[in-house]
N, C-alpha and C. Protein backbone atom coordinates (compact mmCIF):
# COMPACT_ATOMS: atom_id res chain seq x y z
N UNK A 1 3.93 -3.18 -6.65
CA UNK A 1 3.92 -2.50 -7.91
C UNK A 1 3.76 -1.01 -7.61
N UNK A 2 4.44 -0.17 -8.34
CA UNK A 2 4.35 1.27 -8.14
C UNK A 2 3.96 1.95 -9.44
N UNK A 3 3.16 2.98 -9.33
CA UNK A 3 2.74 3.76 -10.47
C UNK A 3 3.18 5.19 -10.22
N UNK A 4 3.73 5.84 -11.25
CA UNK A 4 4.15 7.22 -11.12
C UNK A 4 2.99 8.11 -11.54
N UNK A 5 2.64 9.07 -10.70
CA UNK A 5 1.55 9.99 -11.04
C UNK A 5 2.04 11.42 -10.94
N UNK A 6 1.31 12.32 -11.61
CA UNK A 6 1.71 13.72 -11.63
C UNK A 6 0.56 14.56 -11.09
N UNK A 7 0.92 15.48 -10.21
CA UNK A 7 -0.06 16.41 -9.66
C UNK A 7 0.35 17.81 -10.05
N UNK A 8 -0.46 18.49 -10.81
CA UNK A 8 -0.15 19.88 -11.21
C UNK A 8 -0.81 20.82 -10.22
N UNK A 9 -0.13 21.92 -9.93
CA UNK A 9 -0.71 22.92 -9.05
C UNK A 9 -1.81 23.67 -9.81
N UNK A 10 -2.61 24.41 -9.08
CA UNK A 10 -3.74 25.13 -9.69
C UNK A 10 -3.27 26.14 -10.73
N UNK A 11 -2.08 26.72 -10.57
CA UNK A 11 -1.62 27.76 -11.48
C UNK A 11 -0.62 27.27 -12.51
N UNK A 12 -0.33 25.99 -12.52
CA UNK A 12 0.60 25.46 -13.50
C UNK A 12 2.03 25.84 -13.26
N UNK A 13 2.35 26.37 -12.08
CA UNK A 13 3.70 26.83 -11.78
C UNK A 13 4.64 25.67 -11.47
N UNK A 14 4.13 24.65 -10.82
CA UNK A 14 5.01 23.54 -10.47
C UNK A 14 4.24 22.23 -10.60
N UNK A 15 4.97 21.19 -10.77
CA UNK A 15 4.38 19.86 -10.85
C UNK A 15 5.02 18.99 -9.79
N UNK A 16 4.25 18.09 -9.28
CA UNK A 16 4.77 17.17 -8.26
C UNK A 16 4.55 15.75 -8.75
N UNK A 17 5.61 14.97 -8.74
CA UNK A 17 5.51 13.57 -9.14
C UNK A 17 5.49 12.70 -7.89
N UNK A 18 4.58 11.78 -7.85
CA UNK A 18 4.45 10.88 -6.69
C UNK A 18 4.40 9.43 -7.15
N UNK A 19 4.90 8.57 -6.28
CA UNK A 19 4.72 7.15 -6.50
C UNK A 19 3.50 6.70 -5.73
N UNK A 20 2.63 5.98 -6.40
CA UNK A 20 1.47 5.40 -5.74
C UNK A 20 1.72 3.91 -5.62
N UNK A 21 1.75 3.41 -4.42
CA UNK A 21 1.99 2.00 -4.18
C UNK A 21 0.70 1.24 -4.46
N UNK A 22 0.76 0.20 -5.27
CA UNK A 22 -0.42 -0.62 -5.54
C UNK A 22 -0.13 -2.06 -5.19
N UNK A 23 -1.19 -2.81 -4.99
CA UNK A 23 -1.06 -4.24 -4.70
C UNK A 23 -0.87 -4.99 -6.02
N UNK A 24 -0.23 -6.15 -5.95
CA UNK A 24 -0.04 -6.97 -7.13
C UNK A 24 -1.36 -7.57 -7.58
N UNK A 25 -1.55 -7.76 -8.90
CA UNK A 25 -2.79 -8.37 -9.37
C UNK A 25 -2.90 -9.82 -8.89
N UNK A 26 -4.14 -10.23 -8.64
CA UNK A 26 -4.39 -11.61 -8.20
C UNK A 26 -5.11 -12.32 -9.34
N UNK A 27 -4.59 -13.48 -9.74
CA UNK A 27 -5.20 -14.25 -10.81
C UNK A 27 -5.80 -15.52 -10.24
N UNK A 28 -7.05 -15.80 -10.62
CA UNK A 28 -7.72 -17.03 -10.19
C UNK A 28 -8.13 -17.82 -11.43
N UNK A 29 -8.12 -19.14 -11.31
CA UNK A 29 -8.53 -20.01 -12.40
C UNK A 29 -9.98 -20.41 -12.19
N UNK A 30 -10.80 -20.21 -13.21
CA UNK A 30 -12.22 -20.54 -13.14
C UNK A 30 -12.43 -22.02 -13.40
N UNK A 31 -13.64 -22.51 -13.12
CA UNK A 31 -13.97 -23.92 -13.31
C UNK A 31 -13.83 -24.35 -14.77
N UNK A 32 -14.09 -23.45 -15.71
CA UNK A 32 -14.00 -23.80 -17.12
C UNK A 32 -12.58 -23.72 -17.68
N UNK A 33 -11.60 -23.41 -16.83
CA UNK A 33 -10.21 -23.36 -17.25
C UNK A 33 -9.72 -21.98 -17.60
N UNK A 34 -10.63 -21.02 -17.73
CA UNK A 34 -10.21 -19.65 -18.01
C UNK A 34 -9.70 -18.99 -16.73
N UNK A 35 -9.04 -17.87 -16.87
CA UNK A 35 -8.52 -17.19 -15.68
C UNK A 35 -9.05 -15.77 -15.62
N UNK A 36 -9.15 -15.28 -14.39
CA UNK A 36 -9.63 -13.93 -14.15
C UNK A 36 -8.60 -13.21 -13.30
N UNK A 37 -8.28 -11.97 -13.69
CA UNK A 37 -7.33 -11.18 -12.91
C UNK A 37 -8.07 -10.06 -12.20
N UNK A 38 -7.75 -9.88 -10.93
CA UNK A 38 -8.31 -8.80 -10.13
C UNK A 38 -7.17 -7.86 -9.78
N UNK A 39 -7.31 -6.61 -10.14
CA UNK A 39 -6.29 -5.63 -9.82
C UNK A 39 -6.82 -4.76 -8.70
N UNK A 40 -6.32 -4.95 -7.48
CA UNK A 40 -6.80 -4.18 -6.33
C UNK A 40 -6.39 -2.71 -6.44
N UNK A 41 -7.07 -1.88 -5.68
CA UNK A 41 -6.77 -0.44 -5.67
C UNK A 41 -5.45 -0.15 -4.98
N UNK A 42 -5.09 1.12 -4.91
CA UNK A 42 -3.83 1.52 -4.28
C UNK A 42 -3.76 1.13 -2.81
N UNK A 43 -2.56 0.92 -2.31
CA UNK A 43 -2.33 0.61 -0.90
C UNK A 43 -2.38 1.93 -0.13
N UNK A 44 -3.21 1.97 0.89
CA UNK A 44 -3.31 3.19 1.66
C UNK A 44 -2.20 3.26 2.70
N UNK A 45 -1.99 4.45 3.23
CA UNK A 45 -1.00 4.65 4.29
C UNK A 45 -1.35 3.79 5.50
N UNK A 46 -2.64 3.70 5.80
CA UNK A 46 -3.08 2.89 6.94
C UNK A 46 -2.73 1.41 6.73
N UNK A 47 -2.90 0.92 5.49
CA UNK A 47 -2.55 -0.47 5.19
C UNK A 47 -1.05 -0.70 5.33
N UNK A 48 -0.25 0.28 4.89
CA UNK A 48 1.21 0.15 5.03
C UNK A 48 1.60 0.09 6.50
N UNK A 49 1.01 0.97 7.30
CA UNK A 49 1.32 1.00 8.74
C UNK A 49 0.87 -0.31 9.40
N UNK A 50 -0.31 -0.80 9.03
CA UNK A 50 -0.80 -2.04 9.61
C UNK A 50 0.10 -3.21 9.26
N UNK A 51 0.55 -3.26 8.00
CA UNK A 51 1.46 -4.33 7.56
C UNK A 51 2.77 -4.27 8.35
N UNK A 52 3.31 -3.05 8.52
CA UNK A 52 4.56 -2.88 9.26
C UNK A 52 4.37 -3.33 10.71
N UNK A 53 3.25 -2.96 11.32
CA UNK A 53 2.97 -3.37 12.69
C UNK A 53 2.79 -4.87 12.81
N UNK A 54 2.14 -5.49 11.81
CA UNK A 54 1.95 -6.94 11.82
C UNK A 54 3.28 -7.67 11.75
N UNK A 55 4.17 -7.19 10.89
CA UNK A 55 5.50 -7.82 10.74
C UNK A 55 6.29 -7.67 12.04
N UNK A 56 6.23 -6.50 12.66
CA UNK A 56 6.94 -6.27 13.92
C UNK A 56 6.39 -7.17 15.02
N UNK A 57 5.06 -7.28 15.11
CA UNK A 57 4.45 -8.12 16.13
C UNK A 57 4.83 -9.58 15.93
N UNK A 58 4.86 -10.00 14.68
CA UNK A 58 5.24 -11.39 14.36
C UNK A 58 6.69 -11.66 14.77
N UNK A 59 7.58 -10.72 14.46
CA UNK A 59 8.99 -10.88 14.83
C UNK A 59 9.17 -10.88 16.35
N UNK A 60 8.42 -10.00 17.03
CA UNK A 60 8.48 -9.95 18.49
C UNK A 60 8.00 -11.27 19.09
N UNK A 61 6.91 -11.81 18.52
CA UNK A 61 6.37 -13.09 19.02
C UNK A 61 7.38 -14.21 18.80
N UNK A 62 8.01 -14.23 17.62
CA UNK A 62 8.99 -15.27 17.33
C UNK A 62 10.17 -15.19 18.31
N UNK A 63 10.64 -13.98 18.60
CA UNK A 63 11.74 -13.78 19.53
C UNK A 63 11.36 -14.27 20.93
N UNK A 64 10.16 -13.93 21.37
CA UNK A 64 9.70 -14.35 22.69
C UNK A 64 9.60 -15.88 22.77
N UNK A 65 9.06 -16.51 21.73
CA UNK A 65 8.93 -17.96 21.72
C UNK A 65 10.31 -18.65 21.71
N UNK A 66 11.26 -18.07 20.97
CA UNK A 66 12.62 -18.63 20.97
C UNK A 66 13.23 -18.57 22.37
N UNK A 67 13.01 -17.44 23.07
CA UNK A 67 13.51 -17.31 24.44
C UNK A 67 12.84 -18.32 25.36
N UNK A 68 11.53 -18.51 25.17
CA UNK A 68 10.81 -19.50 25.99
C UNK A 68 11.36 -20.90 25.75
N UNK A 69 11.67 -21.22 24.50
CA UNK A 69 12.22 -22.53 24.17
C UNK A 69 13.60 -22.70 24.80
N UNK A 70 14.45 -21.69 24.63
CA UNK A 70 15.80 -21.76 25.17
C UNK A 70 15.83 -21.89 26.69
N UNK A 71 14.92 -21.21 27.37
CA UNK A 71 14.89 -21.19 28.83
C UNK A 71 13.93 -22.21 29.43
N UNK A 72 13.43 -23.13 28.61
CA UNK A 72 12.42 -24.07 29.06
C UNK A 72 12.97 -24.96 30.19
N UNK A 73 12.19 -25.09 31.24
CA UNK A 73 12.53 -26.00 32.35
C UNK A 73 11.23 -26.49 32.95
N UNK A 74 11.34 -27.54 33.75
CA UNK A 74 10.15 -28.13 34.34
C UNK A 74 10.35 -28.31 35.84
N UNK A 75 9.33 -27.94 36.63
CA UNK A 75 9.43 -28.18 38.07
C UNK A 75 9.26 -29.67 38.37
N UNK A 76 9.78 -30.11 39.48
CA UNK A 76 9.73 -31.54 39.81
C UNK A 76 8.31 -32.03 40.09
N UNK A 77 7.38 -31.13 40.31
CA UNK A 77 6.00 -31.52 40.60
C UNK A 77 5.16 -31.73 39.34
N UNK A 78 5.70 -31.38 38.20
CA UNK A 78 4.93 -31.46 36.96
C UNK A 78 5.04 -32.85 36.33
N UNK A 79 3.95 -33.34 35.76
CA UNK A 79 3.95 -34.67 35.13
C UNK A 79 4.69 -34.62 33.79
N UNK A 80 5.12 -35.79 33.32
CA UNK A 80 5.81 -35.88 32.04
C UNK A 80 4.91 -35.38 30.90
N UNK A 81 3.64 -35.77 30.94
CA UNK A 81 2.70 -35.34 29.91
C UNK A 81 2.59 -33.82 29.86
N UNK A 82 2.47 -33.23 31.02
CA UNK A 82 2.34 -31.79 31.10
C UNK A 82 3.61 -31.08 30.59
N UNK A 83 4.76 -31.59 30.96
CA UNK A 83 6.03 -31.01 30.51
C UNK A 83 6.11 -31.09 28.98
N UNK A 84 5.82 -32.27 28.44
CA UNK A 84 5.89 -32.46 27.00
C UNK A 84 4.90 -31.56 26.28
N UNK A 85 3.67 -31.46 26.80
CA UNK A 85 2.65 -30.64 26.16
C UNK A 85 3.04 -29.16 26.13
N UNK A 86 3.61 -28.67 27.22
CA UNK A 86 4.05 -27.27 27.25
C UNK A 86 5.14 -27.03 26.22
N UNK A 87 6.12 -27.94 26.16
CA UNK A 87 7.21 -27.80 25.21
C UNK A 87 6.70 -27.92 23.77
N UNK A 88 5.81 -28.85 23.54
CA UNK A 88 5.26 -29.06 22.19
C UNK A 88 4.47 -27.85 21.72
N UNK A 89 3.77 -27.18 22.62
CA UNK A 89 3.01 -25.98 22.28
C UNK A 89 3.95 -24.86 21.80
N UNK A 90 5.06 -24.68 22.50
CA UNK A 90 6.05 -23.67 22.09
C UNK A 90 6.61 -24.01 20.71
N UNK A 91 6.97 -25.27 20.51
CA UNK A 91 7.56 -25.71 19.23
C UNK A 91 6.54 -25.55 18.09
N UNK A 92 5.28 -25.87 18.35
CA UNK A 92 4.24 -25.73 17.33
C UNK A 92 4.03 -24.27 16.93
N UNK A 93 4.03 -23.40 17.91
CA UNK A 93 3.88 -21.97 17.62
C UNK A 93 5.08 -21.43 16.84
N UNK A 94 6.27 -21.91 17.16
CA UNK A 94 7.46 -21.52 16.40
C UNK A 94 7.35 -22.00 14.95
N UNK A 95 6.85 -23.22 14.77
CA UNK A 95 6.71 -23.77 13.41
C UNK A 95 5.73 -22.94 12.59
N UNK A 96 4.65 -22.47 13.20
CA UNK A 96 3.69 -21.62 12.50
C UNK A 96 4.36 -20.35 12.03
N UNK A 97 5.31 -19.84 12.81
CA UNK A 97 6.02 -18.61 12.46
C UNK A 97 7.23 -18.88 11.57
N UNK A 98 7.41 -20.14 11.13
CA UNK A 98 8.47 -20.46 10.19
C UNK A 98 9.78 -20.87 10.82
N UNK A 99 9.81 -21.07 12.12
CA UNK A 99 11.02 -21.47 12.85
C UNK A 99 10.86 -22.94 13.25
N UNK A 100 11.52 -23.83 12.51
CA UNK A 100 11.36 -25.26 12.76
C UNK A 100 12.45 -25.80 13.67
N UNK A 101 12.06 -26.64 14.61
CA UNK A 101 12.97 -27.30 15.55
C UNK A 101 13.04 -28.77 15.14
N UNK A 102 14.24 -29.31 15.01
CA UNK A 102 14.37 -30.71 14.61
C UNK A 102 13.87 -31.63 15.73
N UNK A 103 13.46 -32.81 15.35
CA UNK A 103 12.96 -33.78 16.33
C UNK A 103 14.05 -34.13 17.34
N UNK A 104 15.27 -34.24 16.88
CA UNK A 104 16.39 -34.56 17.77
C UNK A 104 16.58 -33.45 18.81
N UNK A 105 16.56 -32.18 18.36
CA UNK A 105 16.69 -31.07 19.29
C UNK A 105 15.54 -31.03 20.29
N UNK A 106 14.34 -31.32 19.81
CA UNK A 106 13.17 -31.35 20.69
C UNK A 106 13.32 -32.44 21.75
N UNK A 107 13.75 -33.62 21.34
CA UNK A 107 13.94 -34.73 22.28
C UNK A 107 14.99 -34.38 23.34
N UNK A 108 16.11 -33.82 22.88
CA UNK A 108 17.16 -33.44 23.83
C UNK A 108 16.69 -32.35 24.79
N UNK A 109 15.97 -31.36 24.27
CA UNK A 109 15.45 -30.28 25.12
C UNK A 109 14.50 -30.86 26.16
N UNK A 110 13.66 -31.78 25.75
CA UNK A 110 12.71 -32.41 26.68
C UNK A 110 13.45 -33.16 27.79
N UNK A 111 14.42 -33.99 27.40
CA UNK A 111 15.15 -34.78 28.40
C UNK A 111 15.96 -33.90 29.34
N UNK A 112 16.57 -32.86 28.78
CA UNK A 112 17.38 -31.96 29.62
C UNK A 112 16.54 -31.07 30.53
N UNK A 113 15.29 -30.90 30.20
CA UNK A 113 14.42 -30.05 31.01
C UNK A 113 13.88 -30.78 32.24
N UNK A 114 14.00 -32.10 32.25
CA UNK A 114 13.50 -32.87 33.39
C UNK A 114 14.32 -32.54 34.63
N UNK A 115 13.66 -32.38 35.77
CA UNK A 115 14.38 -32.05 37.00
C UNK A 115 15.37 -33.15 37.38
N UNK A 116 16.53 -32.78 37.88
CA UNK A 116 17.51 -33.77 38.30
C UNK A 116 17.09 -34.37 39.63
N UNK A 117 17.46 -35.63 39.82
CA UNK A 117 17.13 -36.32 41.05
C UNK A 117 15.63 -36.49 41.23
N UNK A 118 14.92 -36.46 40.13
CA UNK A 118 13.47 -36.53 40.19
C UNK A 118 12.95 -37.95 40.20
N UNK A 119 11.68 -38.05 39.98
CA UNK A 119 10.97 -39.32 40.04
C UNK A 119 10.93 -40.06 38.72
N UNK A 120 11.64 -39.54 37.71
CA UNK A 120 11.58 -40.14 36.40
C UNK A 120 12.76 -41.09 36.19
N UNK A 121 12.50 -42.15 35.47
CA UNK A 121 13.59 -43.06 35.12
C UNK A 121 13.45 -43.42 33.65
N UNK A 122 14.56 -43.73 33.07
CA UNK A 122 14.60 -44.05 31.64
C UNK A 122 15.25 -45.40 31.48
N UNK A 123 14.59 -46.27 30.73
CA UNK A 123 15.14 -47.61 30.61
C UNK A 123 16.09 -47.75 29.45
N UNK A 124 16.07 -46.88 28.49
CA UNK A 124 17.03 -46.97 27.40
C UNK A 124 16.63 -46.12 26.21
N UNK A 125 17.63 -45.54 25.60
CA UNK A 125 17.43 -44.75 24.39
C UNK A 125 18.38 -45.26 23.34
N UNK A 126 17.87 -45.38 22.15
CA UNK A 126 18.71 -45.82 21.07
C UNK A 126 18.54 -44.83 19.93
N UNK A 127 19.63 -44.46 19.35
CA UNK A 127 19.62 -43.49 18.26
C UNK A 127 19.66 -44.24 16.93
N UNK A 128 18.69 -43.94 16.07
CA UNK A 128 18.67 -44.53 14.73
C UNK A 128 19.61 -43.76 13.85
N UNK A 129 20.50 -44.46 13.19
CA UNK A 129 21.42 -43.80 12.27
C UNK A 129 21.01 -44.18 10.85
N UNK A 130 20.96 -43.17 10.00
CA UNK A 130 20.55 -43.44 8.60
C UNK A 130 21.53 -44.28 7.84
């Protein structure tokens, strides 16, 4: 929400109009069914900068996690549980940031990340079709 304000100079020679950025009102419902609105004060420059930095950091983290997912691989010395847990941690962090990976993609990524010629064997996979 923005409010237009006017600042007059000391001598009345010029006026300056500014936009003051404000936060949106927050409404809460009380136990008795009535509602209360809280109108926060203006957004400071520091809050704007912090918000911009938070958004950038979140986007950077999402990009890094996507790269980790795409480049995921497992050494032949690692156990299946450990491989799955590492992959699941990346997928969970992506989900928190709003980037969801389908179960099918996760399964394929897991199977393709297993080292070739390794100690793992698979007795059978069946795909459920809706």
